[in-house]
Amino acid sequence: MSTLFATRPQQQQENGELFVVATPHRRVRHLRAWAFLLAIWIFSGIFVVPADQQAVVTRFGAVISPRVSSGIHYALPWPIDAVYKLKVRQLRRTVVGGDIPDA
């Protein structure tokens, strides 16, 4: 092992005896941090579609799932996939010239 990456163990003295205190290695801590960030990134692909909506999943801008119904789903995390949720059970009414007939 290279001396560049080697760490010296810490030594403490108690009651006249010298003993070595084990410390976590810097590489192990960095690996754990990267693994944690990777897990968060992977789990960020989970999305929920409510009952009154449908979703469209695009991968790099191309539609791969045109209709995703309600429920819990998974898409690859950003920037690979994008999820657009659309309200499909919403009634929109526009009156042009005149009164609203249901008033």
Protein backbone atom coordinates (compact mmCIF):
# COMPACT_ATOMS: atom_id res chain seq x y z
CA MET A 1 0.00 0.00 0.00
CA SER A 2 1.26 3.44 -0.83
CA THR A 3 2.27 5.69 2.01
CA LEU A 4 0.24 8.43 0.37
CA PHE A 5 -3.05 6.74 1.32
CA ALA A 6 -1.89 5.06 4.53
CA THR A 7 -3.03 6.57 7.79
CA ARG A 8 -1.27 6.35 11.08
CA PRO A 9 -3.25 4.85 13.93
CA GLN A 10 -3.81 7.14 16.87
CA GLN A 11 -2.07 6.17 20.07
CA GLN A 12 -3.26 6.92 23.57
CA GLN A 13 -1.70 6.25 26.89
CA GLU A 14 -3.73 5.14 29.88
CA ASN A 15 -2.33 3.98 33.23
CA GLY A 16 1.15 3.83 31.78
CA GLU A 17 0.08 1.48 28.95
CA LEU A 18 0.19 2.48 25.31
CA PHE A 19 -2.64 1.25 23.10
CA VAL A 20 -3.81 1.96 19.54
CA VAL A 21 -7.22 3.52 18.88
CA ALA A 22 -8.80 2.34 15.63
CA THR A 23 -10.13 5.15 13.42
CA PRO A 24 -12.38 4.77 10.36
CA HIS A 25 -10.40 4.96 7.20
CA ARG A 26 -10.97 8.00 4.98
CA ARG A 27 -11.65 5.86 1.91
CA VAL A 28 -14.35 3.89 3.72
CA ARG A 29 -16.07 7.11 4.79
CA HIS A 30 -15.97 8.49 1.26
CA LEU A 31 -17.30 5.21 -0.13
CA ARG A 32 -20.18 5.24 2.35
CA ALA A 33 -21.00 8.86 1.50
CA TRP A 34 -21.04 8.12 -2.25
CA ALA A 35 -23.15 4.99 -1.68
CA PHE A 36 -25.63 7.02 0.37
CA LEU A 37 -25.88 9.71 -2.32
CA LEU A 38 -26.31 7.06 -5.02
CA ALA A 39 -29.11 5.41 -3.04
CA ILE A 40 -30.91 8.75 -2.65
CA TRP A 41 -30.54 9.41 -6.39
CA ILE A 42 -31.93 5.96 -7.28
CA PHE A 43 -34.89 6.28 -4.89
CA SER A 44 -35.71 9.73 -6.30
CA GLY A 45 -37.15 7.94 -9.35
CA ILE A 46 -40.21 6.79 -7.39
CA PHE A 47 -43.30 8.85 -8.22
CA VAL A 48 -46.99 8.72 -7.32
CA VAL A 49 -49.80 9.46 -9.77
CA PRO A 50 -53.07 10.50 -8.03
CA ALA A 51 -56.42 8.99 -9.08
CA ASP A 52 -57.52 12.04 -11.08
CA GLN A 53 -54.29 12.24 -13.07
CA GLN A 54 -52.27 10.32 -15.64
CA ALA A 55 -48.58 10.71 -16.32
CA VAL A 56 -46.36 10.77 -19.38
CA VAL A 57 -42.78 9.50 -18.97
CA THR A 58 -40.12 10.79 -21.34
CA ARG A 59 -36.54 9.58 -21.69
CA PHE A 60 -34.21 12.26 -23.03
CA GLY A 61 -37.29 14.00 -24.48
CA ALA A 62 -38.76 10.98 -26.30
CA VAL A 63 -42.04 9.55 -24.96
CA ILE A 64 -41.58 6.03 -23.60
CA SER A 65 -44.81 5.65 -21.61
CA PRO A 66 -47.68 7.72 -23.05
CA ARG A 67 -50.22 6.74 -20.37
CA VAL A 68 -49.25 5.89 -16.84
CA SER A 69 -52.32 5.29 -14.68
CA SER A 70 -52.71 6.12 -11.01
CA GLY A 71 -50.53 4.45 -8.42
CA ILE A 72 -46.88 4.21 -7.36
CA HIS A 73 -44.40 3.90 -10.23
CA TYR A 74 -40.69 4.11 -10.95
CA ALA A 75 -38.84 6.01 -13.66
CA LEU A 76 -35.12 6.46 -14.00
CA PRO A 77 -34.00 9.51 -12.02
CA TRP A 78 -33.26 12.93 -13.43
CA PRO A 79 -31.67 13.76 -15.97
CA ILE A 80 -32.53 10.51 -17.77
CA ASP A 81 -36.32 10.40 -17.39
CA ALA A 82 -38.87 13.15 -16.84
CA VAL A 83 -42.44 12.64 -15.57
CA TYR A 84 -45.26 14.99 -16.57
CA LYS A 85 -48.52 14.62 -14.65
CA LEU A 86 -51.73 15.67 -16.40
CA LYS A 87 -55.22 16.09 -14.96
CA VAL A 88 -57.51 13.99 -17.12
CA ARG A 89 -60.71 14.26 -15.09
CA GLN A 90 -60.96 18.00 -15.03
CA LEU A 91 -63.76 19.77 -16.87
CA ARG A 92 -62.92 23.12 -18.41
CA ARG A 93 -65.60 25.32 -19.86
CA THR A 94 -65.21 28.48 -21.89
CA VAL A 95 -68.15 30.67 -22.80
CA VAL A 96 -67.69 32.90 -25.81
CA GLY A 97 -70.30 35.63 -26.19
CA GLY A 98 -73.28 35.27 -23.91
CA ASP A 99 -74.21 34.10 -20.43
CA ILE A 100 -73.39 30.81 -18.77
CA PRO A 101 -76.42 28.54 -19.47
CA ASP A 102 -76.16 26.73 -16.10
CA ALA A 103 -76.29 29.92 -14.01
